[in-house]
Amino acid sequence: MSIIVGNYSFEGPYTSTEKLENKSGIYAIHCLIDGKYYLIDVGESSEVRNRIENHDRRECWIKNCKGTLTVSVYYTPGLQQTGRMNIEQTLRQQFQPICGKQ
């Protein structure tokens, strides 16, 4: 299963972190409402699963999602943090997610 975010094919979306790997990547937080996914946050981490499970913006996700929270990941084993941050910034500029303000 996959979901397209910008020009990237993300794995997921998942309703829990059980299937996530603790690898480097870009994560997208969506709100599923009536069969449609709305991007509410995007970020990057060297340990995606840990980051999502302990995220400081979780309250923003909950507050701004009146449907089902989901997460998807674009794993980036060949990229360092700078490369991940470039993708993250591109997606933030493109979608301007409500919880994605830094």
Protein backbone atom coordinates (compact mmCIF):
# COMPACT_ATOMS: atom_id res chain seq x y z
CA MET A 1 0.00 0.00 0.00
CA SER A 2 1.27 3.47 -0.78
CA ILE A 3 0.19 7.10 -0.94
CA ILE A 4 1.63 9.81 -3.15
CA VAL A 5 2.79 12.97 -1.38
CA GLY A 6 4.15 15.50 -3.83
CA ASN A 7 6.52 13.59 -6.11
CA TYR A 8 7.17 10.80 -3.61
CA SER A 9 5.55 7.43 -3.03
CA PHE A 10 5.20 6.94 0.73
CA GLU A 11 4.56 3.57 2.39
CA GLY A 12 1.22 3.48 4.17
CA PRO A 13 -0.88 5.14 5.28
CA TYR A 14 -1.05 3.32 8.60
CA THR A 15 -3.27 3.99 11.59
CA SER A 16 -0.57 2.90 14.07
CA THR A 17 3.22 2.82 14.24
CA GLU A 18 3.40 -1.00 14.43
CA LYS A 19 4.45 -1.43 10.79
CA LEU A 20 6.94 1.45 10.79
CA GLU A 21 10.65 0.79 10.76
CA ASN A 22 13.07 2.76 12.87
CA LYS A 23 15.04 3.91 9.84
CA SER A 24 15.77 7.28 8.31
CA GLY A 25 13.04 8.89 6.27
CA ILE A 26 10.39 11.50 5.74
CA TYR A 27 7.06 10.99 7.49
CA ALA A 28 3.67 12.41 6.58
CA ILE A 29 0.80 12.73 9.03
CA HIS A 30 -2.61 12.67 7.40
CA CYS A 31 -6.17 12.99 8.61
CA LEU A 32 -8.55 10.59 6.88
CA ILE A 33 -12.04 12.02 6.49
CA ASP A 34 -14.71 10.43 4.28
CA GLY A 35 -12.14 8.49 2.27
CA LYS A 36 -9.88 11.48 1.60
CA TYR A 37 -6.44 12.09 3.13
CA TYR A 38 -5.52 15.60 4.28
CA LEU A 39 -1.85 16.29 5.02
CA ILE A 40 -1.49 17.95 8.41
CA ASP A 41 2.24 17.52 9.10
CA VAL A 42 5.47 16.40 7.49
CA GLY A 43 8.92 15.87 8.99
CA GLU A 44 12.15 13.95 8.80
CA SER A 45 14.11 11.77 11.18
CA SER A 46 16.94 9.27 11.32
CA GLU A 47 14.60 7.09 13.43
CA VAL A 48 11.11 7.57 12.03
CA ARG A 49 9.20 5.23 14.34
CA ASN A 50 10.71 6.68 17.53
CA ARG A 51 10.14 10.23 16.31
CA ILE A 52 6.46 9.70 15.56
CA GLU A 53 5.80 7.82 18.79
CA ASN A 54 7.38 10.63 20.85
CA HIS A 55 6.49 13.66 18.73
CA ASP A 56 6.11 17.08 20.31
CA ARG A 57 3.41 18.08 17.80
CA ARG A 58 1.13 15.11 18.53
CA GLU A 59 -1.36 17.40 20.30
CA CYS A 60 -1.59 19.53 17.15
CA TRP A 61 -2.33 16.41 15.10
CA ILE A 62 -5.12 15.36 17.46
CA LYS A 63 -6.57 18.87 17.70
CA ASN A 64 -6.65 19.36 13.92
CA CYS A 65 -7.94 15.95 12.87
CA LYS A 66 -11.67 15.33 13.08
CA GLY A 67 -11.23 11.95 11.41
CA THR A 68 -8.62 9.18 11.67
CA LEU A 69 -4.94 10.03 12.09
CA THR A 70 -2.64 8.12 9.75
CA VAL A 71 1.09 8.08 9.09
CA SER A 72 3.04 7.24 5.96
CA VAL A 73 6.80 7.10 5.41
CA TYR A 74 9.24 7.64 2.58
CA TYR A 75 12.36 5.78 3.72
CA THR A 76 15.65 7.37 2.68
CA PRO A 77 18.49 4.94 3.40
CA GLY A 78 20.85 6.74 1.00
CA LEU A 79 20.28 10.28 2.29
CA GLN A 80 21.88 12.16 5.13
CA GLN A 81 19.92 14.66 7.22
CA THR A 82 20.50 17.50 4.74
CA GLY A 83 18.88 15.50 1.94
CA ARG A 84 15.91 14.57 4.15
CA MET A 85 15.50 18.19 5.22
CA ASN A 86 15.42 19.32 1.58
CA ILE A 87 12.55 16.93 0.83
CA GLU A 88 10.76 17.96 4.02
CA GLN A 89 11.02 21.66 3.14
CA THR A 90 9.84 21.07 -0.41
CA LEU A 91 6.74 19.24 0.86
CA ARG A 92 6.09 21.90 3.52
CA GLN A 93 6.22 24.65 0.92
CA GLN A 94 4.00 22.71 -1.46
CA PHE A 95 1.31 21.69 1.04
CA GLN A 96 1.71 24.11 3.98
CA PRO A 97 0.49 21.55 6.54
CA ILE A 98 -1.31 23.06 9.52
CA CYS A 99 0.93 21.35 12.09
CA GLY A 100 4.10 21.68 10.04
CA LYS A 101 5.21 25.09 11.22
CA GLN A 102 8.70 25.20 12.66
